[in-house]
Each structure stands twice: as structure tokens, then as C-alpha cells.
Amino acid sequence: MLLHRGCGLRVPKEDPQCGGSSVSCAAMQYPEHRPVDDALIPPRLSAILVMVLWASCYPLITIGLDFAPHLTFASLRAVTAGSALLLVALCLGKPFPKDRAEWGWIALAGLGMTGLGYFGMFHAAEFVAPGLATVVANTQPIFAAVLAYGLIGERLALRGWTGLLIGFLGVIIVAAPQVFAGNERSTGLGLMYVLLAALGVAAGNVAIRKLANRVDAAMAMGLQLLIGAIPLMIIAVLTEHPRAVVWSPGFIVSLVGLALPGTALAFWLWQTTLRSMPLSKANVFSFLVPFLGITIGALFFAEPLTLMVMIGVVLAGIGVYLGTKAEPDRDPVRDQGSACRSK
């Protein structure tokens, strides 16, 4: 028996079927599935805290947009949060990623989660009320389940597909009254922006899950925020007037609230959560966000809590729960590990 340097477990000295120790075959070859026991906060509590932080983002965006152009504001948020996380990582002596695959997943997270996510989120705030935007945006686990099939080969069982249909039905019920009442064009455009953000966040979530145990959370999330800020800044310079920002106390409070707790802390907590929980299980907590968003909208923006909204929120929550809680029909990592052991 030897003491494995990677995880501290006593393992057989040699496993000829796997070309080495059994731990190196399963845990070292697929490091994102190594057990993690150094979480400062229990994973479920951490996931709930992330959802509370993210639910507060839309009201803060609405406040800040009175003082700054859309993408300029989004760029400032991403750069501020990314710089803060990167500074923390460097102060703690965390190394930069060295593997091309790690940089690829970081780039996908940045362009999806930060680039597309912020582009859609900040534009939607002009056309869609905060509570409704939060409800629609946080159906992203439905999109994440579909993207997971294409990116990592995870197939949902019948229960999962049922959840997808119920979730989309909930989105339609919530969105339909807003789309066909009043300013139809503006509301429809706003919903398009929110759905674009949801797709970007879904792709980013898959990437963050792949990075969970490969790169330090502060380093990975800081880099992805800065990478995602690049296209936002370019578009902002070409289409907006960045110097038009009004640095009032209200804007500074909005920016700091978004950048530090709403972004830096939330992303750090999210990646540390995904170190201990699969994405499908962690993402189920997103169904809390619509309720939090509707509550915030009702308390601070006088949004009505209509029966249709409540029915849609419940259906969306059930759909997200079923779609992300269902066991995958096939786990490619588990299959690969089994194949290794059977050789």
C-alpha cells in the first residue's frame, strides 16, 4: 500500500488493469470528479447564497442604468469584479492555468457567462421589469441540460425531458401577458435579450463545472470575467459614449453592489459549490431565484403578483427541478471509469 500524493488515500501500489493505481485512473484522469472536503460553507447553503446574490442583480442594474450606458455599465461591472478576484488569487499565490483545455473552458465561461450573459442582461433591463427578467433568465438550467448533452454527452431520462417541457410552459405563461400587453415590441425585444443571456449563462455553467477542481475559483472566475469584458468594452466604445457615465453616489453604490457581492463573491461561491456538487444538482437551486426576483420586484418596483405570474413561476420551478434533478441517462465520466476498470 502507498500513500497517494494527490489525495492522501492509501491505495494499491499498482493496478495493471488501469496502468497504475486505481485512484490515478479515476481521480487523476478526471480531476473535476475528485472528492473535495475543504469547502468553507456547506454546498447547499452556498448555492442558496448565490441565488440570493444573483436575484438582487436586476434591481441594481435598473438603478445603475440611470447613470451609465448599458454596455459601459456591464463592462465596468465585469472589469471591477474580475480585477478584484484576480488580485485575491495573486495575493494568495494561486498559479495561472497552464493547460490549453483549461484556458478553453475559461474562455467559454467568459464569452458565455460574462459576454453574452451581461450583454443580454443589461439590455433587457431597459425593456423588462426586474422580477419578470429574473424569472425568465433563471430558466437557464433548462438550456444547460440541452447544452450538457452536446458538450459532455449527458443524456436526460424521461423525467428530465418532462421537466424541460413543464419549465418552458411556465416561461410562456409568465411572459405572454407582458408580450401582448402595452409596448409589445419593447417587451418582446427585452425577452429576447433575457433568453440570450440565459443561453450564455447555461454554456458558462457547463464550462465552470469542468473547471471546478482544475483551477482555483478566484483565478478562474477572475480571468473569465476579464475575458468576457473584452467584447463588451469593444461594443461599448463603438456604439455608446463611455464618458457619459455620471459618477453619482447612486451609481457607485449600484456598481459596487453588482461587482463585489453580486458578481465576484457570487461567482467564487458558485465555482466552490460546483466542486462538491454536480451541475445538475446545484442548478436546481436556481428555481429559488424567480421567487426571490418576484418578491424584490413587488417590494421595490410595485410589480403586480398576478395569478398568471404565480402559476408560471410554479410551473417554471417544477420544470427546472425535474430537468436538473433527474438522474442522467448516461454519465460519460462514469462510463469511462468503468471501462478503465474492466480492461
Protein backbone atom coordinates (compact mmCIF):
# COMPACT_ATOMS: atom_id res chain seq x y z
CA MET A 1 0.00 0.00 0.00
CA LEU A 2 1.17 3.53 -0.80
CA LEU A 3 0.03 6.95 0.36
CA HIS A 4 -1.25 8.66 -2.78
CA ARG A 5 0.31 12.13 -3.05
CA GLY A 6 -2.69 13.59 -4.87
CA CYS A 7 -5.43 12.83 -2.35
CA GLY A 8 -3.79 11.29 0.71
CA LEU A 9 -5.65 7.96 0.35
CA ARG A 10 -3.98 4.60 0.82
CA VAL A 11 -4.20 2.80 -2.48
CA PRO A 12 -2.78 -0.35 -4.06
CA LYS A 13 0.78 0.07 -5.23
CA GLU A 14 -0.05 -0.99 -8.76
CA ASP A 15 -3.14 -1.78 -10.79
CA PRO A 16 -2.07 -3.36 -14.07
CA GLN A 17 -5.60 -3.13 -15.43
CA CYS A 18 -5.50 0.64 -15.31
CA GLY A 19 -1.82 1.23 -15.85
CA GLY A 20 -1.20 2.41 -12.29
CA SER A 21 -3.12 2.99 -9.09
CA SER A 22 -6.90 2.80 -9.19
CA VAL A 23 -7.13 6.30 -7.77
CA SER A 24 -4.96 7.79 -10.50
CA CYS A 25 -7.15 6.12 -13.12
CA ALA A 26 -10.40 7.59 -11.86
CA ALA A 27 -9.47 10.70 -9.91
CA MET A 28 -6.29 11.83 -11.63
CA GLN A 29 -7.52 11.29 -15.18
CA TYR A 30 -10.79 13.10 -14.44
CA PRO A 31 -9.77 15.69 -11.83
CA GLU A 32 -13.08 17.51 -11.92
CA HIS A 33 -14.58 14.49 -10.12
CA ARG A 34 -12.06 14.30 -7.26
CA PRO A 35 -13.73 14.49 -3.85
CA VAL A 36 -13.44 17.88 -2.21
CA ASP A 37 -13.54 18.29 1.56
CA ASP A 38 -12.18 21.80 2.09
CA ALA A 39 -15.38 23.79 1.49
CA LEU A 40 -15.76 26.62 3.98
CA ILE A 41 -19.55 26.69 3.51
CA PRO A 42 -21.82 23.65 3.06
CA PRO A 43 -22.57 23.30 -0.67
CA ARG A 44 -26.34 23.63 -0.36
CA LEU A 45 -26.07 26.75 1.79
CA SER A 46 -23.51 28.15 -0.64
CA ALA A 47 -25.86 27.55 -3.58
CA ILE A 48 -28.71 29.33 -1.77
CA LEU A 49 -26.46 32.32 -1.04
CA VAL A 50 -25.50 32.51 -4.72
CA MET A 51 -29.15 32.60 -5.75
CA VAL A 52 -29.91 35.40 -3.27
CA LEU A 53 -26.99 37.43 -4.63
CA TRP A 54 -27.99 36.87 -8.26
CA ALA A 55 -31.64 37.71 -7.60
CA SER A 56 -30.57 41.15 -6.37
CA CYS A 57 -28.69 41.97 -9.58
CA TYR A 58 -31.58 43.13 -11.77
CA PRO A 59 -32.80 45.87 -9.39
CA LEU A 60 -29.23 47.15 -9.05
CA ILE A 61 -28.84 47.14 -12.83
CA THR A 62 -32.07 49.11 -13.18
CA ILE A 63 -30.77 51.74 -10.76
CA GLY A 64 -27.34 51.99 -12.38
CA LEU A 65 -28.68 52.37 -15.92
CA ASP A 66 -29.99 55.81 -14.99
CA PHE A 67 -26.36 56.95 -14.78
CA ALA A 68 -24.46 54.95 -17.44
CA PRO A 69 -24.91 53.42 -20.91
CA HIS A 70 -25.80 49.73 -20.95
CA LEU A 71 -22.61 48.03 -22.10
CA THR A 72 -20.35 50.59 -20.47
CA PHE A 73 -22.00 49.70 -17.17
CA ALA A 74 -21.69 45.97 -17.92
CA SER A 75 -18.00 46.37 -18.79
CA LEU A 76 -17.30 48.29 -15.58
CA ARG A 77 -19.03 45.58 -13.57
CA ALA A 78 -17.05 42.76 -15.19
CA VAL A 79 -13.68 44.54 -15.03
CA THR A 80 -14.18 45.56 -11.40
CA ALA A 81 -15.25 42.09 -10.29
CA GLY A 82 -12.63 40.28 -12.38
CA SER A 83 -9.81 42.52 -11.18
CA ALA A 84 -10.85 42.02 -7.56
CA LEU A 85 -10.88 38.23 -7.89
CA LEU A 86 -7.61 38.13 -9.81
CA LEU A 87 -5.96 40.33 -7.18
CA VAL A 88 -7.14 37.97 -4.44
CA ALA A 89 -5.84 34.95 -6.36
CA LEU A 90 -2.43 36.53 -6.93
CA CYS A 91 -2.15 37.63 -3.30
CA LEU A 92 -2.85 34.04 -2.25
CA GLY A 93 -0.17 32.77 -4.64
CA LYS A 94 -2.54 30.88 -6.94
CA PRO A 95 -0.98 29.90 -10.30
CA PHE A 96 -2.28 30.81 -13.72
CA PRO A 97 -3.76 27.94 -15.77
CA LYS A 98 -1.16 26.10 -17.86
CA ASP A 99 -3.28 23.62 -19.78
CA ARG A 100 -4.87 24.62 -23.11
CA ALA A 101 -8.09 22.86 -22.20
CA GLU A 102 -8.35 24.91 -19.01
CA TRP A 103 -7.89 28.15 -20.95
CA GLY A 104 -10.51 26.96 -23.43
CA TRP A 105 -13.10 26.35 -20.73
CA ILE A 106 -12.24 29.69 -19.11
CA ALA A 107 -12.74 31.43 -22.46
CA LEU A 108 -16.10 29.68 -22.95
CA ALA A 109 -17.17 30.71 -19.46
CA GLY A 110 -16.10 34.29 -20.11
CA LEU A 111 -17.68 34.68 -23.53
CA GLY A 112 -20.85 32.86 -22.47
CA MET A 113 -21.45 33.78 -18.85
CA THR A 114 -19.97 37.29 -18.94
CA GLY A 115 -20.08 38.28 -22.62
CA LEU A 116 -23.49 37.03 -23.76
CA GLY A 117 -24.90 36.94 -20.25
CA TYR A 118 -24.16 40.58 -19.46
CA PHE A 119 -24.99 41.77 -22.97
CA GLY A 120 -28.47 40.30 -22.70
CA MET A 121 -28.98 41.12 -19.04
CA PHE A 122 -28.11 44.81 -19.28
CA HIS A 123 -30.12 45.41 -22.45
CA ALA A 124 -33.12 43.55 -21.03
CA ALA A 125 -33.24 45.83 -18.00
CA GLU A 126 -34.43 48.66 -20.27
CA PHE A 127 -37.42 46.74 -21.61
CA VAL A 128 -38.40 44.17 -18.97
CA ALA A 129 -39.35 44.64 -15.31
CA PRO A 130 -36.76 43.21 -12.88
CA GLY A 131 -38.99 40.46 -11.48
CA LEU A 132 -40.04 39.15 -14.91
CA ALA A 133 -36.45 39.33 -16.19
CA THR A 134 -35.22 37.31 -13.21
CA VAL A 135 -37.89 34.64 -13.81
CA VAL A 136 -37.07 34.18 -17.50
CA ALA A 137 -33.29 34.40 -17.12
CA ASN A 138 -33.19 31.73 -14.47
CA THR A 139 -34.72 29.10 -16.65
CA GLN A 140 -31.12 28.65 -17.80
CA PRO A 141 -30.88 25.16 -16.22
CA ILE A 142 -33.22 24.03 -18.98
CA PHE A 143 -30.77 25.29 -21.61
CA ALA A 144 -27.84 23.93 -19.58
CA ALA A 145 -29.37 20.45 -19.71
CA VAL A 146 -29.56 20.65 -23.51
CA LEU A 147 -26.02 22.04 -23.85
CA ALA A 148 -24.68 19.39 -21.48
CA TYR A 149 -25.84 16.74 -23.93
CA GLY A 150 -23.87 18.35 -26.76
CA LEU A 151 -20.76 19.31 -24.78
CA ILE A 152 -20.30 16.44 -22.32
CA GLY A 153 -22.65 13.77 -23.67
CA GLU A 154 -25.04 13.73 -20.73
CA ARG A 155 -28.47 12.41 -21.68
CA LEU A 156 -31.57 13.16 -19.63
CA ALA A 157 -34.07 10.46 -18.77
CA LEU A 158 -37.81 10.82 -19.41
CA ARG A 159 -38.23 12.68 -16.12
CA GLY A 160 -35.72 15.25 -17.27
CA TRP A 161 -37.38 15.86 -20.63
CA THR A 162 -40.73 16.20 -18.88
CA GLY A 163 -39.17 18.87 -16.72
CA LEU A 164 -37.97 20.75 -19.78
CA LEU A 165 -41.48 20.87 -21.26
CA ILE A 166 -43.07 21.97 -17.99
CA GLY A 167 -40.39 24.62 -17.49
CA PHE A 168 -40.88 26.12 -20.94
CA LEU A 169 -44.64 26.12 -20.37
CA GLY A 170 -44.07 28.13 -17.21
CA VAL A 171 -41.92 30.64 -19.09
CA ILE A 172 -44.64 31.07 -21.73
CA ILE A 173 -47.33 31.62 -19.11
CA VAL A 174 -45.24 34.23 -17.28
CA ALA A 175 -44.10 36.06 -20.42
CA ALA A 176 -47.26 36.02 -22.57
CA PRO A 177 -49.24 38.75 -20.74
CA GLN A 178 -46.26 41.12 -20.86
CA VAL A 179 -45.52 40.43 -24.52
CA PHE A 180 -49.06 41.07 -25.74
CA ALA A 181 -49.95 43.97 -23.45
CA GLY A 182 -48.80 47.56 -23.88
CA ASN A 183 -45.50 48.03 -25.72
CA GLU A 184 -45.30 44.66 -27.44
CA ARG A 185 -42.15 45.38 -29.42
CA SER A 186 -40.15 46.59 -26.45
CA THR A 187 -41.23 43.75 -24.21
CA GLY A 188 -40.60 41.14 -26.89
CA LEU A 189 -37.15 42.58 -27.56
CA GLY A 190 -36.42 42.58 -23.85
CA LEU A 191 -37.39 38.93 -23.53
CA MET A 192 -35.11 38.10 -26.46
CA TYR A 193 -32.22 39.74 -24.61
CA VAL A 194 -33.03 37.79 -21.45
CA LEU A 195 -33.15 34.48 -23.33
CA LEU A 196 -29.81 35.30 -24.97
CA ALA A 197 -28.37 35.91 -21.52
CA ALA A 198 -29.81 32.60 -20.30
CA LEU A 199 -28.15 30.71 -23.16
CA GLY A 200 -24.81 32.35 -22.42
CA VAL A 201 -25.08 31.59 -18.72
CA ALA A 202 -26.01 27.98 -19.46
CA ALA A 203 -22.90 27.50 -21.60
CA GLY A 204 -20.82 29.23 -18.96
CA ASN A 205 -22.18 26.95 -16.25
CA VAL A 206 -21.09 23.85 -18.14
CA ALA A 207 -17.61 25.38 -18.50
CA ILE A 208 -17.41 26.33 -14.82
CA ARG A 209 -18.34 22.79 -13.83
CA LYS A 210 -15.44 21.49 -15.94
CA LEU A 211 -13.11 23.98 -14.23
CA ALA A 212 -14.38 23.30 -10.71
CA ASN A 213 -11.45 21.18 -9.47
CA ARG A 214 -8.91 22.14 -12.11
CA VAL A 215 -8.31 25.85 -11.48
CA ASP A 216 -8.57 27.93 -8.31
CA ALA A 217 -12.01 29.55 -8.10
CA ALA A 218 -10.77 33.13 -7.67
CA MET A 219 -8.26 32.72 -10.51
CA ALA A 220 -10.70 31.05 -12.93
CA MET A 221 -13.60 33.40 -12.26
CA GLY A 222 -11.38 36.48 -12.33
CA LEU A 223 -9.95 35.50 -15.70
CA GLN A 224 -13.32 34.61 -17.23
CA LEU A 225 -14.77 37.96 -16.15
CA LEU A 226 -11.88 39.87 -17.70
CA ILE A 227 -12.04 37.82 -20.91
CA GLY A 228 -15.78 38.35 -21.17
CA ALA A 229 -15.35 42.07 -20.59
CA ILE A 230 -13.26 42.47 -23.76
CA PRO A 231 -16.10 42.16 -26.33
CA LEU A 232 -18.36 44.20 -24.06
CA MET A 233 -15.83 47.05 -23.98
CA ILE A 234 -15.30 46.94 -27.74
CA ILE A 235 -19.04 47.13 -28.47
CA ALA A 236 -19.46 49.85 -25.84
CA VAL A 237 -16.77 52.02 -27.43
CA LEU A 238 -18.25 51.53 -30.91
CA THR A 239 -21.91 52.06 -30.04
CA GLU A 240 -22.05 54.13 -26.86
CA HIS A 241 -20.42 57.11 -25.17
CA PRO A 242 -18.43 55.71 -22.23
CA ARG A 243 -17.63 59.21 -20.98
CA ALA A 244 -21.33 59.79 -20.40
CA VAL A 245 -21.16 57.91 -17.10
CA VAL A 246 -22.45 60.02 -14.20
CA TRP A 247 -20.35 59.05 -11.18
CA SER A 248 -23.05 59.84 -8.65
CA PRO A 249 -23.31 58.17 -5.22
CA GLY A 250 -26.25 56.13 -6.51
CA PHE A 251 -24.25 54.81 -9.46
CA ILE A 252 -21.22 53.98 -7.32
CA VAL A 253 -23.37 52.05 -4.85
CA SER A 254 -25.03 50.18 -7.72
CA LEU A 255 -21.70 49.36 -9.38
CA VAL A 256 -20.01 48.22 -6.17
CA GLY A 257 -23.03 46.14 -5.18
CA LEU A 258 -23.09 44.45 -8.57
CA ALA A 259 -19.34 43.97 -8.93
CA LEU A 260 -18.34 42.73 -5.49
CA PRO A 261 -21.12 40.78 -3.74
CA GLY A 262 -23.33 40.32 -6.83
CA THR A 263 -20.53 39.14 -9.12
CA ALA A 264 -17.14 38.46 -7.50
CA LEU A 265 -18.47 36.80 -4.36
CA ALA A 266 -21.31 35.05 -6.21
CA PHE A 267 -19.03 33.55 -8.87
CA TRP A 268 -16.47 32.43 -6.29
CA LEU A 269 -19.20 30.76 -4.24
CA TRP A 270 -20.68 29.18 -7.37
CA GLN A 271 -17.46 27.52 -8.50
CA THR A 272 -16.71 26.30 -4.98
CA THR A 273 -20.24 24.88 -4.87
CA LEU A 274 -19.65 23.01 -8.13
CA ARG A 275 -16.51 21.47 -6.65
CA SER A 276 -18.73 19.47 -4.30
CA MET A 277 -21.97 19.14 -6.27
CA PRO A 278 -22.74 18.15 -9.87
CA LEU A 279 -24.13 20.98 -12.00
CA SER A 280 -27.49 19.23 -12.33
CA LYS A 281 -27.95 19.20 -8.56
CA ALA A 282 -26.54 22.66 -7.89
CA ASN A 283 -28.55 24.25 -10.68
CA VAL A 284 -31.82 23.08 -9.16
CA PHE A 285 -31.42 25.85 -6.59
CA SER A 286 -31.95 28.32 -9.44
CA PHE A 287 -35.65 27.68 -9.08
CA LEU A 288 -35.47 29.81 -5.91
CA VAL A 289 -34.40 32.86 -7.92
CA PRO A 290 -37.78 33.54 -9.62
CA PHE A 291 -39.48 33.70 -6.25
CA LEU A 292 -36.78 35.99 -4.92
CA GLY A 293 -36.97 38.14 -8.07
CA ILE A 294 -40.75 38.44 -7.95
CA THR A 295 -40.56 39.37 -4.26
CA ILE A 296 -37.95 42.05 -4.93
CA GLY A 297 -39.98 43.39 -7.85
CA ALA A 298 -43.15 43.57 -5.75
CA LEU A 299 -41.43 45.23 -2.79
CA PHE A 300 -39.32 47.82 -4.62
CA PHE A 301 -40.81 48.21 -8.12
CA ALA A 302 -44.55 47.78 -7.47
CA GLU A 303 -44.80 44.80 -9.83
CA PRO A 304 -48.17 43.01 -9.57
CA LEU A 305 -48.30 39.45 -8.28
CA THR A 306 -50.98 38.23 -10.69
CA LEU A 307 -52.38 34.72 -10.74
CA MET A 308 -50.81 34.07 -14.15
CA VAL A 309 -47.40 35.11 -12.86
CA MET A 310 -47.69 32.84 -9.85
CA ILE A 311 -48.84 29.87 -11.96
CA GLY A 312 -45.98 30.44 -14.39
CA VAL A 313 -43.42 30.73 -11.61
CA VAL A 314 -44.63 27.48 -10.03
CA LEU A 315 -44.52 25.64 -13.36
CA ALA A 316 -41.06 27.02 -14.16
CA GLY A 317 -39.86 25.93 -10.75
CA ILE A 318 -41.26 22.42 -11.18
CA GLY A 319 -39.77 22.18 -14.66
CA VAL A 320 -36.33 23.31 -13.56
CA TYR A 321 -36.45 20.95 -10.60
CA LEU A 322 -37.39 17.92 -12.69
CA GLY A 323 -34.99 18.79 -15.51
CA THR A 324 -31.96 19.19 -13.27
CA LYS A 325 -32.76 16.74 -10.50
CA ALA A 326 -33.34 13.79 -12.82
CA GLU A 327 -30.51 11.28 -13.00
CA PRO A 328 -28.71 11.37 -16.38
CA ASP A 329 -29.44 8.51 -18.73
CA ARG A 330 -25.69 8.14 -19.23
CA ASP A 331 -22.74 9.54 -17.32
CA PRO A 332 -19.76 9.69 -19.73
CA VAL A 333 -17.22 10.06 -16.91
CA ARG A 334 -18.66 7.10 -15.04
CA ASP A 335 -18.69 5.08 -18.26
CA GLN A 336 -15.03 5.92 -18.91
CA GLY A 337 -14.06 4.96 -15.38
CA SER A 338 -15.92 1.65 -15.66
CA ALA A 339 -14.26 0.92 -18.99
CA CYS A 340 -10.87 1.56 -17.44
CA ARG A 341 -11.57 -0.83 -14.57
CA SER A 342 -12.88 -3.56 -16.90
CA LYS A 343 -9.80 -3.67 -19.09
